[in-house]
C-alpha atoms as a PDB file:
ATOM      1  CA  UNK A   1      70.304 169.405 -10.380  1.00  0.00           C
ATOM      2  CA  UNK A   2      71.811 172.761  -9.448  1.00  0.00           C
ATOM      3  CA  UNK A   3      72.702 173.425 -13.081  1.00  0.00           C
ATOM      4  CA  UNK A   4      69.034 173.050 -14.071  1.00  0.00           C
ATOM      5  CA  UNK A   5      67.960 175.736 -11.659  1.00  0.00           C
ATOM      6  CA  UNK A   6      70.750 177.970 -12.948  1.00  0.00           C
ATOM      7  CA  UNK A   7      69.653 177.697 -16.547  1.00  0.00           C
ATOM      8  CA  UNK A   8      66.025 178.342 -15.655  1.00  0.00           C
ATOM      9  CA  UNK A   9      67.021 181.419 -13.714  1.00  0.00           C
ATOM     10  CA  UNK A  10      69.201 182.721 -16.566  1.00  0.00           C
ATOM     11  CA  UNK A  11      66.411 182.555 -19.120  1.00  0.00           C
ATOM     12  CA  UNK A  12      63.698 183.846 -16.763  1.00  0.00           C
ATOM     13  CA  UNK A  13      65.788 186.701 -15.430  1.00  0.00           C
ATOM     14  CA  UNK A  14      67.006 188.051 -18.781  1.00  0.00           C
ATOM     15  CA  UNK A  15      63.959 187.342 -20.970  1.00  0.00           C
ATOM     16  CA  UNK A  16      61.251 187.563 -18.272  1.00  0.00           C
ATOM     17  CA  UNK A  17      59.848 184.344 -19.650  1.00  0.00           C
ATOM     18  CA  UNK A  18      58.403 181.312 -17.923  1.00  0.00           C
ATOM     19  CA  UNK A  19      60.861 178.795 -16.501  1.00  0.00           C
ATOM     20  CA  UNK A  20      62.063 176.231 -18.997  1.00  0.00           C
ATOM     21  CA  UNK A  21      62.037 172.464 -18.391  1.00  0.00           C
ATOM     22  CA  UNK A  22      64.911 170.991 -16.389  1.00  0.00           C
ATOM     23  CA  UNK A  23      68.028 170.314 -18.417  1.00  0.00           C
ATOM     24  CA  UNK A  24      70.823 167.952 -17.580  1.00  0.00           C
ATOM     25  CA  UNK A  25      72.911 167.711 -20.731  1.00  0.00           C
ATOM     26  CA  UNK A  26      75.145 169.891 -22.883  1.00  0.00           C
ATOM     27  CA  UNK A  27      72.809 169.997 -25.936  1.00  0.00           C
ATOM     28  CA  UNK A  28      69.858 171.337 -23.921  1.00  0.00           C
ATOM     29  CA  UNK A  29      72.119 173.792 -22.183  1.00  0.00           C
ATOM     30  CA  UNK A  30      73.370 175.138 -25.511  1.00  0.00           C
ATOM     31  CA  UNK A  31      69.776 175.590 -26.737  1.00  0.00           C
ATOM     32  CA  UNK A  32      68.739 177.607 -23.721  1.00  0.00           C
ATOM     33  CA  UNK A  33      71.875 179.732 -23.741  1.00  0.00           C
ATOM     34  CA  UNK A  34      71.316 180.403 -27.460  1.00  0.00           C
ATOM     35  CA  UNK A  35      67.911 181.841 -26.631  1.00  0.00           C
ATOM     36  CA  UNK A  36      69.476 184.820 -24.864  1.00  0.00           C
ATOM     37  CA  UNK A  37      71.115 185.861 -28.160  1.00  0.00           C
ATOM     38  CA  UNK A  38      74.761 185.634 -27.280  1.00  0.00           C
ATOM     39  CA  UNK A  39      77.368 184.828 -29.924  1.00  0.00           C
ATOM     40  CA  UNK A  40      78.241 181.161 -30.391  1.00  0.00           C
ATOM     41  CA  UNK A  41      81.628 181.359 -28.660  1.00  0.00           C
ATOM     42  CA  UNK A  42      79.993 182.761 -25.521  1.00  0.00           C
ATOM     43  CA  UNK A  43      77.120 180.278 -25.628  1.00  0.00           C
ATOM     44  CA  UNK A  44      79.635 177.458 -25.664  1.00  0.00           C
ATOM     45  CA  UNK A  45      81.748 178.983 -22.943  1.00  0.00           C
ATOM     46  CA  UNK A  46      78.893 179.760 -20.546  1.00  0.00           C
ATOM     47  CA  UNK A  47      76.921 176.572 -21.017  1.00  0.00           C
ATOM     48  CA  UNK A  48      80.072 174.506 -20.601  1.00  0.00           C
ATOM     49  CA  UNK A  49      80.816 176.332 -17.356  1.00  0.00           C
ATOM     50  CA  UNK A  50      77.293 175.804 -16.024  1.00  0.00           C
ATOM     51  CA  UNK A  51      77.314 172.103 -16.850  1.00  0.00           C
ATOM     52  CA  UNK A  52      80.899 171.088 -16.150  1.00  0.00           C
ATOM     53  CA  UNK A  53      81.393 173.276 -13.103  1.00  0.00           C
ATOM     54  CA  UNK A  54      78.084 172.364 -11.439  1.00  0.00           C
ATOM     55  CA  UNK A  55      79.875 170.231  -8.892  1.00  0.00           C
ATOM     56  CA  UNK A  56      82.456 172.889  -8.047  1.00  0.00           C
ATOM     57  CA  UNK A  57      82.230 175.230  -5.106  1.00  0.00           C
ATOM     58  CA  UNK A  58      80.404 178.377  -6.136  1.00  0.00           C
ATOM     59  CA  UNK A  59      83.383 180.722  -5.655  1.00  0.00           C
ATOM     60  CA  UNK A  60      85.536 178.480  -7.854  1.00  0.00           C
ATOM     61  CA  UNK A  61      83.010 178.584 -10.677  1.00  0.00           C
ATOM     62  CA  UNK A  62      82.780 182.384 -10.506  1.00  0.00           C
ATOM     63  CA  UNK A  63      86.563 182.719 -10.448  1.00  0.00           C
ATOM     64  CA  UNK A  64      86.707 180.482 -13.518  1.00  0.00           C
ATOM     65  CA  UNK A  65      84.285 182.760 -15.362  1.00  0.00           C
ATOM     66  CA  UNK A  66      86.224 185.867 -14.317  1.00  0.00           C
ATOM     67  CA  UNK A  67      89.478 184.408 -15.619  1.00  0.00           C
ATOM     68  CA  UNK A  68      87.824 183.529 -18.915  1.00  0.00           C
ATOM     69  CA  UNK A  69      86.543 187.092 -19.298  1.00  0.00           C
ATOM     70  CA  UNK A  70      90.066 188.448 -18.920  1.00  0.00           C
ATOM     71  CA  UNK A  71      91.091 186.490 -21.993  1.00  0.00           C
ATOM     72  CA  UNK A  72      88.113 187.530 -24.149  1.00  0.00           C
ATOM     73  CA  UNK A  73      87.538 190.803 -26.025  1.00  0.00           C
ATOM     74  CA  UNK A  74      83.839 191.450 -25.575  1.00  0.00           C
ATOM     75  CA  UNK A  75      81.622 194.429 -26.165  1.00  0.00           C
ATOM     76  CA  UNK A  76      80.238 196.213 -23.123  1.00  0.00           C
ATOM     77  CA  UNK A  77      76.754 194.793 -23.743  1.00  0.00           C
ATOM     78  CA  UNK A  78      78.069 191.242 -23.540  1.00  0.00           C
ATOM     79  CA  UNK A  79      80.033 192.042 -20.398  1.00  0.00           C
ATOM     80  CA  UNK A  80      76.842 193.386 -18.838  1.00  0.00           C
ATOM     81  CA  UNK A  81      75.003 190.175 -19.682  1.00  0.00           C
ATOM     82  CA  UNK A  82      77.815 188.120 -18.169  1.00  0.00           C
ATOM     83  CA  UNK A  83      77.680 190.276 -15.030  1.00  0.00           C
ATOM     84  CA  UNK A  84      73.977 189.455 -14.744  1.00  0.00           C
ATOM     85  CA  UNK A  85      74.798 185.808 -15.221  1.00  0.00           C
ATOM     86  CA  UNK A  86      77.314 185.871 -12.379  1.00  0.00           C
ATOM     87  CA  UNK A  87      74.750 187.475 -10.101  1.00  0.00           C
ATOM     88  CA  UNK A  88      72.267 184.778 -11.023  1.00  0.00           C
ATOM     89  CA  UNK A  89      74.839 182.123 -10.269  1.00  0.00           C
ATOM     90  CA  UNK A  90      75.397 183.695  -6.866  1.00  0.00           C
ATOM     91  CA  UNK A  91      71.697 183.854  -6.019  1.00  0.00           C
ATOM     92  CA  UNK A  92      70.420 180.737  -7.732  1.00  0.00           C
ATOM     93  CA  UNK A  93      73.237 178.203  -7.885  1.00  0.00           C
ATOM     94  CA  UNK A  94      72.860 177.456  -4.200  1.00  0.00           C
ATOM     95  CA  UNK A  95      74.831 174.858  -2.344  1.00  0.00           C
ATOM     96  CA  UNK A  96      74.776 171.123  -2.698  1.00  0.00           C
ATOM     97  CA  UNK A  97      71.831 169.367  -1.084  1.00  0.00           C
ATOM     98  CA  UNK A  98      73.916 166.314  -0.342  1.00  0.00           C
ATOM     99  CA  UNK A  99      75.018 165.470   3.206  1.00  0.00           C
ATOM    100  CA  UNK A 100      77.040 168.658   3.725  1.00  0.00           C
ATOM    101  CA  UNK A 101      76.844 171.787   5.777  1.00  0.00           C
ATOM    102  CA  UNK A 102      78.299 174.623   3.704  1.00  0.00           C
ATOM    103  CA  UNK A 103      79.548 177.799   5.366  1.00  0.00           C
ATOM    104  CA  UNK A 104      80.209 180.903   3.333  1.00  0.00           C
ATOM    105  CA  UNK A 105      82.347 183.658   4.788  1.00  0.00           C
ATOM    106  CA  UNK A 106      80.694 186.940   3.809  1.00  0.00           C
ATOM    107  CA  UNK A 107      82.956 189.375   5.607  1.00  0.00           C
ATOM    108  CA  UNK A 108      84.077 190.499   9.093  1.00  0.00           C
ATOM    109  CA  UNK A 109      82.130 188.031  11.303  1.00  0.00           C
ATOM    110  CA  UNK A 110      79.322 187.452   8.806  1.00  0.00           C
ATOM    111  CA  UNK A 111      78.617 183.852   7.827  1.00  0.00           C
ATOM    112  CA  UNK A 112      76.005 182.044   5.763  1.00  0.00           C
ATOM    113  CA  UNK A 113      75.379 178.430   6.735  1.00  0.00           C
ATOM    114  CA  UNK A 114      73.126 175.951   4.923  1.00  0.00           C
ATOM    115  CA  UNK A 115      72.474 172.250   4.575  1.00  0.00           C
ATOM    116  CA  UNK A 116      70.470 172.890   1.414  1.00  0.00           C
ATOM    117  CA  UNK A 117      67.203 173.141   3.368  1.00  0.00           C
ATOM    118  CA  UNK A 118      67.738 175.436   6.340  1.00  0.00           C
ATOM    119  CA  UNK A 119      69.466 178.789   5.756  1.00  0.00           C
ATOM    120  CA  UNK A 120      71.200 180.550   8.641  1.00  0.00           C
ATOM    121  CA  UNK A 121      72.953 183.942   8.584  1.00  0.00           C
ATOM    122  CA  UNK A 122      75.224 184.829  11.494  1.00  0.00           C
ATOM    123  CA  UNK A 123      76.131 188.457  12.270  1.00  0.00           C
ATOM    124  CA  UNK A 124      74.807 189.466   8.873  1.00  0.00           C
ATOM    125  CA  UNK A 125      73.627 191.827   7.574  1.00  0.00           C
ATOM    126  CA  UNK A 126      75.970 194.313   9.185  1.00  0.00           C
ATOM    127  CA  UNK A 127      76.856 197.842   8.084  1.00  0.00           C
ATOM    128  CA  UNK A 128      79.305 197.386   5.231  1.00  0.00           C
ATOM    129  CA  UNK A 129      82.710 198.820   6.103  1.00  0.00           C
ATOM    130  CA  UNK A 130      81.743 199.732   9.688  1.00  0.00           C
ATOM    131  CA  UNK A 131      84.749 200.643  11.850  1.00  0.00           C
ATOM    132  CA  UNK A 132      86.926 200.133   8.768  1.00  0.00           C
ATOM    133  CA  UNK A 133      86.281 196.387   8.716  1.00  0.00           C
ATOM    134  CA  UNK A 134      85.365 194.482   5.545  1.00  0.00           C
ATOM    135  CA  UNK A 135      82.899 195.869   3.016  1.00  0.00           C
ATOM    136  CA  UNK A 136      80.663 193.633   0.934  1.00  0.00           C
ATOM    137  CA  UNK A 137      78.809 193.910  -2.360  1.00  0.00           C
ATOM    138  CA  UNK A 138      75.144 194.822  -2.600  1.00  0.00           C
ATOM    139  CA  UNK A 139      74.588 191.440  -4.251  1.00  0.00           C
ATOM    140  CA  UNK A 140      75.133 189.807  -0.880  1.00  0.00           C
ATOM    141  CA  UNK A 141      71.962 191.417   0.390  1.00  0.00           C
ATOM    142  CA  UNK A 142      70.057 190.621  -2.794  1.00  0.00           C
ATOM    143  CA  UNK A 143      71.035 186.965  -2.552  1.00  0.00           C
ATOM    144  CA  UNK A 144      69.688 186.452   0.986  1.00  0.00           C
ATOM    145  CA  UNK A 145      67.241 183.548   0.973  1.00  0.00           C
ATOM    146  CA  UNK A 146      63.624 184.104   1.914  1.00  0.00           C
ATOM    147  CA  UNK A 147      62.506 182.922   5.351  1.00  0.00           C
ATOM    148  CA  UNK A 148      66.043 182.533   6.579  1.00  0.00           C
ATOM    149  CA  UNK A 149      67.216 182.497  10.182  1.00  0.00           C
ATOM    150  CA  UNK A 150      69.280 185.468  11.364  1.00  0.00           C
ATOM    151  CA  UNK A 151      71.473 185.168  14.462  1.00  0.00           C
ATOM    152  CA  UNK A 152      73.477 187.986  16.050  1.00  0.00           C
ATOM    153  CA  UNK A 153      76.070 187.935  18.828  1.00  0.00           C
ATOM    154  CA  UNK A 154      75.486 191.608  19.629  1.00  0.00           C
ATOM    155  CA  UNK A 155      74.335 194.803  18.010  1.00  0.00           C
ATOM    156  CA  UNK A 156      77.483 196.709  17.144  1.00  0.00           C
ATOM    157  CA  UNK A 157      77.366 198.004  13.562  1.00  0.00           C
ATOM    158  CA  UNK A 158      80.183 195.738  12.331  1.00  0.00           C
ATOM    159  CA  UNK A 159      77.973 192.753  13.282  1.00  0.00           C
ATOM    160  CA  UNK A 160      74.427 194.061  12.921  1.00  0.00           C
ATOM    161  CA  UNK A 161      72.317 196.534  10.990  1.00  0.00           C
ATOM    162  CA  UNK A 162      68.794 197.265  12.220  1.00  0.00           C
ATOM    163  CA  UNK A 163      68.079 199.225   9.050  1.00  0.00           C
ATOM    164  CA  UNK A 164      68.980 196.342   6.767  1.00  0.00           C
ATOM    165  CA  UNK A 165      67.517 193.606   8.955  1.00  0.00           C
ATOM    166  CA  UNK A 166      64.044 195.136   9.146  1.00  0.00           C
ATOM    167  CA  UNK A 167      63.751 194.842   5.348  1.00  0.00           C
ATOM    168  CA  UNK A 168      64.203 191.055   5.510  1.00  0.00           C
ATOM    169  CA  UNK A 169      61.686 188.371   6.350  1.00  0.00           C
ATOM    170  CA  UNK A 170      62.644 185.387   8.479  1.00  0.00           C
ATOM    171  CA  UNK A 171      63.280 184.484  12.090  1.00  0.00           C
ATOM    172  CA  UNK A 172      65.576 186.898  13.924  1.00  0.00           C
ATOM    173  CA  UNK A 173      67.528 186.162  17.109  1.00  0.00           C
ATOM    174  CA  UNK A 174      70.146 188.003  19.081  1.00  0.00           C
ATOM    175  CA  UNK A 175      71.106 189.381  22.455  1.00  0.00           C
ATOM    176  CA  UNK A 176      67.549 190.709  22.825  1.00  0.00           C
ATOM    177  CA  UNK A 177      65.735 187.318  22.713  1.00  0.00           C
ATOM    178  CA  UNK A 178      68.055 184.307  23.256  1.00  0.00           C
ATOM    179  CA  UNK A 179      65.350 182.467  25.210  1.00  0.00           C
ATOM    180  CA  UNK A 180      63.280 182.220  21.999  1.00  0.00           C
ATOM    181  CA  UNK A 181      65.883 179.947  20.410  1.00  0.00           C
ATOM    182  CA  UNK A 182      64.187 176.988  22.162  1.00  0.00           C
ATOM    183  CA  UNK A 183      61.157 177.350  19.887  1.00  0.00           C
ATOM    184  CA  UNK A 184      63.453 177.390  16.847  1.00  0.00           C
ATOM    185  CA  UNK A 185      65.303 174.284  18.062  1.00  0.00           C
ATOM    186  CA  UNK A 186      62.007 172.412  18.452  1.00  0.00           C
ATOM    187  CA  UNK A 187      60.931 173.258  14.884  1.00  0.00           C
ATOM    188  CA  UNK A 188      63.985 171.982  12.907  1.00  0.00           C
ATOM    189  CA  UNK A 189      65.074 168.318  12.985  1.00  0.00           C
ATOM    190  CA  UNK A 190      68.642 167.550  14.034  1.00  0.00           C
ATOM    191  CA  UNK A 191      69.379 171.205  14.684  1.00  0.00           C
ATOM    192  CA  UNK A 192      69.845 173.356  17.774  1.00  0.00           C
ATOM    193  CA  UNK A 193      71.463 176.608  18.848  1.00  0.00           C
ATOM    194  CA  UNK A 194      72.629 177.113  22.439  1.00  0.00           C
ATOM    195  CA  UNK A 195      73.184 180.720  23.539  1.00  0.00           C
ATOM    196  CA  UNK A 196      76.150 181.276  25.837  1.00  0.00           C
ATOM    197  CA  UNK A 197      76.381 184.587  27.715  1.00  0.00           C
ATOM    198  CA  UNK A 198      79.903 185.935  27.188  1.00  0.00           C
ATOM    199  CA  UNK A 199      81.613 189.186  28.032  1.00  0.00           C
ATOM    200  CA  UNK A 200      82.446 192.050  25.714  1.00  0.00           C
ATOM    201  CA  UNK A 201      83.908 195.273  27.042  1.00  0.00           C
ATOM    202  CA  UNK A 202      81.883 197.597  24.846  1.00  0.00           C
ATOM    203  CA  UNK A 203      78.379 196.129  25.138  1.00  0.00           C
ATOM    204  CA  UNK A 204      76.040 195.182  27.959  1.00  0.00           C
ATOM    205  CA  UNK A 205      74.799 191.946  26.383  1.00  0.00           C
ATOM    206  CA  UNK A 206      76.899 189.663  24.218  1.00  0.00           C
ATOM    207  CA  UNK A 207      76.233 186.030  23.326  1.00  0.00           C
ATOM    208  CA  UNK A 208      78.330 183.329  21.720  1.00  0.00           C
ATOM    209  CA  UNK A 209      76.570 180.315  20.213  1.00  0.00           C
ATOM    210  CA  UNK A 210      77.062 176.587  19.862  1.00  0.00           C
ATOM    211  CA  UNK A 211      75.269 175.272  16.770  1.00  0.00           C
ATOM    212  CA  UNK A 212      74.665 171.516  16.773  1.00  0.00           C
ATOM    213  CA  UNK A 213      73.625 170.402  13.305  1.00  0.00           C
ATOM    214  CA  UNK A 214      73.527 166.912  11.815  1.00  0.00           C
ATOM    215  CA  UNK A 215      75.826 165.720  14.557  1.00  0.00           C
ATOM    216  CA  UNK A 216      78.374 168.486  13.978  1.00  0.00           C
ATOM    217  CA  UNK A 217      79.326 171.250  16.407  1.00  0.00           C
ATOM    218  CA  UNK A 218      79.962 174.775  15.145  1.00  0.00           C
ATOM    219  CA  UNK A 219      80.952 177.477  17.598  1.00  0.00           C
ATOM    220  CA  UNK A 220      80.288 181.168  16.933  1.00  0.00           C
ATOM    221  CA  UNK A 221      82.434 183.366  19.182  1.00  0.00           C
ATOM    222  CA  UNK A 222      81.527 186.945  18.260  1.00  0.00           C
ATOM    223  CA  UNK A 223      83.689 189.619  19.836  1.00  0.00           C
ATOM    224  CA  UNK A 224      84.317 188.170  23.273  1.00  0.00           C
ATOM    225  CA  UNK A 225      87.886 187.630  24.410  1.00  0.00           C
ATOM    226  CA  UNK A 226      86.845 185.227  27.135  1.00  0.00           C
ATOM    227  CA  UNK A 227      88.289 181.771  26.368  1.00  0.00           C
ATOM    228  CA  UNK A 228      86.806 179.921  29.330  1.00  0.00           C
ATOM    229  CA  UNK A 229      83.260 179.300  27.936  1.00  0.00           C
ATOM    230  CA  UNK A 230      84.770 177.920  24.703  1.00  0.00           C
ATOM    231  CA  UNK A 231      87.248 175.730  26.597  1.00  0.00           C
ATOM    232  CA  UNK A 232      84.367 173.948  28.361  1.00  0.00           C
ATOM    233  CA  UNK A 233      82.916 172.585  25.093  1.00  0.00           C
ATOM    234  CA  UNK A 234      84.291 169.309  23.834  1.00  0.00           C
ATOM    235  CA  UNK A 235      84.723 167.977  20.314  1.00  0.00           C
ATOM    236  CA  UNK A 236      83.952 171.117  18.293  1.00  0.00           C
ATOM    237  CA  UNK A 237      84.159 170.582  14.554  1.00  0.00           C
ATOM    238  CA  UNK A 238      84.626 174.256  13.558  1.00  0.00           C
ATOM    239  CA  UNK A 239      85.177 177.220  15.904  1.00  0.00           C
ATOM    240  CA  UNK A 240      84.786 180.659  14.326  1.00  0.00           C
ATOM    241  CA  UNK A 241      86.792 183.027  16.493  1.00  0.00           C
ATOM    242  CA  UNK A 242      88.670 186.355  16.274  1.00  0.00           C
ATOM    243  CA  UNK A 243      92.449 186.180  16.414  1.00  0.00           C
ATOM    244  CA  UNK A 244      92.511 187.457  19.988  1.00  0.00           C
ATOM    245  CA  UNK A 245      90.822 184.307  21.234  1.00  0.00           C
ATOM    246  CA  UNK A 246      93.768 182.238  20.005  1.00  0.00           C
ATOM    247  CA  UNK A 247      96.191 184.744  21.540  1.00  0.00           C
ATOM    248  CA  UNK A 248      94.391 184.696  24.873  1.00  0.00           C
ATOM    249  CA  UNK A 249      94.226 180.912  24.931  1.00  0.00           C
ATOM    250  CA  UNK A 250      97.973 180.728  24.366  1.00  0.00           C
ATOM    251  CA  UNK A 251      98.770 183.323  27.012  1.00  0.00           C
ATOM    252  CA  UNK A 252      96.438 181.706  29.577  1.00  0.00           C
ATOM    253  CA  UNK A 253      97.557 178.186  28.630  1.00  0.00           C
ATOM    254  CA  UNK A 254      93.959 177.123  27.966  1.00  0.00           C
ATOM    255  CA  UNK A 255      93.266 174.298  25.547  1.00  0.00           C
ATOM    256  CA  UNK A 256      90.389 174.567  23.048  1.00  0.00           C
ATOM    257  CA  UNK A 257      89.005 171.251  21.855  1.00  0.00           C
ATOM    258  CA  UNK A 258      88.273 172.094  18.227  1.00  0.00           C
ATOM    259  CA  UNK A 259      89.253 170.233  15.068  1.00  0.00           C
ATOM    260  CA  UNK A 260      89.385 173.407  12.972  1.00  0.00           C
ATOM    261  CA  UNK A 261      89.370 177.152  13.481  1.00  0.00           C
ATOM    262  CA  UNK A 262      88.035 179.853  11.196  1.00  0.00           C
ATOM    263  CA  UNK A 263      89.657 183.120  12.266  1.00  0.00           C
ATOM    264  CA  UNK A 264      87.529 186.112  11.322  1.00  0.00           C
ATOM    265  CA  UNK A 265      87.063 189.782  12.234  1.00  0.00           C
ATOM    266  CA  UNK A 266      90.198 190.842  10.378  1.00  0.00           C
ATOM    267  CA  UNK A 267      90.841 194.256   8.853  1.00  0.00           C
ATOM    268  CA  UNK A 268      91.093 194.207   5.029  1.00  0.00           C
ATOM    269  CA  UNK A 269      94.749 195.299   5.216  1.00  0.00           C
ATOM    270  CA  UNK A 270      95.641 193.103   8.149  1.00  0.00           C
ATOM    271  CA  UNK A 271      98.655 190.931   7.452  1.00  0.00           C
ATOM    272  CA  UNK A 272      98.953 187.412   8.850  1.00  0.00           C
ATOM    273  CA  UNK A 273     102.544 186.343   9.388  1.00  0.00           C
ATOM    274  CA  UNK A 274     104.329 183.256  10.620  1.00  0.00           C
ATOM    275  CA  UNK A 275     103.650 179.588  10.044  1.00  0.00           C
ATOM    276  CA  UNK A 276      99.944 178.763  10.199  1.00  0.00           C
ATOM    277  CA  UNK A 277      98.888 175.228  11.266  1.00  0.00           C
ATOM    278  CA  UNK A 278      96.704 173.308   8.821  1.00  0.00           C
ATOM    279  CA  UNK A 279      93.696 173.312  11.160  1.00  0.00           C
ATOM    280  CA  UNK A 280      93.617 177.129  11.383  1.00  0.00           C
ATOM    281  CA  UNK A 281      92.112 179.088   8.497  1.00  0.00           C
ATOM    282  CA  UNK A 282      92.464 182.877   8.495  1.00  0.00           C
ATOM    283  CA  UNK A 283      89.388 184.239   6.735  1.00  0.00           C
ATOM    284  CA  UNK A 284      90.817 186.987   4.548  1.00  0.00           C
ATOM    285  CA  UNK A 285      89.137 185.816   1.317  1.00  0.00           C
ATOM    286  CA  UNK A 286      85.512 186.898   1.208  1.00  0.00           C
ATOM    287  CA  UNK A 287      83.089 184.313  -0.253  1.00  0.00           C
ATOM    288  CA  UNK A 288      85.360 181.513   0.931  1.00  0.00           C
ATOM    289  CA  UNK A 289      83.343 178.318   1.403  1.00  0.00           C
ATOM    290  CA  UNK A 290      83.926 175.742   4.086  1.00  0.00           C
ATOM    291  CA  UNK A 291      82.304 172.333   3.706  1.00  0.00           C
ATOM    292  CA  UNK A 292      81.472 170.042   6.629  1.00  0.00           C
ATOM    293  CA  UNK A 293      80.382 166.552   5.505  1.00  0.00           C
ATOM    294  CA  UNK A 294      78.039 164.656   7.786  1.00  0.00           C
END
């Protein structure tokens, strides 16, 4: 049904009209796309993408559109409309509401996690480009879901922005109120966040987190280089860690019981060399999506 929401958003956003009825077939899609006064070749291209790519990961659908645009000669006005369409896809396409937890890598240590009902942002928003780490587009802020949960490991600017956060509604947790997570855990079925006090040389309070969600375990490391707290947790499905955690674990001969690792907090120009095991994913590609079935 994601394609139906997309098409409603397209028409409402561009024409400022009332939402149209749900559509689930190519003919209805063509009719709605025609109403925004694009030439036939673009109507066909866009509506086909929305329908046929509705089961693809979001970043794949957007990449598909971008590649198509490279092969088309379009006037600036049409390119502007397509740019609006892409933004609508980002904000309205959403993730599948099947039995999956989807994790989007925003940049640096910023993550967006959702099961289609609950929306959780980790170490985001942060100050874009802080300390020469990854920048992100303004559209990332515009696409933040209302009444989301925001979770921060600490308040350094490459993980946290007070200025940006205060503009957002939702429940906000960090190193200033970890004890309040209990109330959150009690309010959401099959969901909990455990705060783990960890060390970080440049801040007084730093927390890592273990998220237990639909029977899956997701570990959020933050900036700490301390491997010991992580090594005490068994059967982690995904551990999101900086590269120095893996280096420290190897040097200290400490085993981490995780099926998969997402390695974040990389500089944009940082080069990863050597053979990388299949269960380790270096997060260099912003908007990368990780899916955890449950």
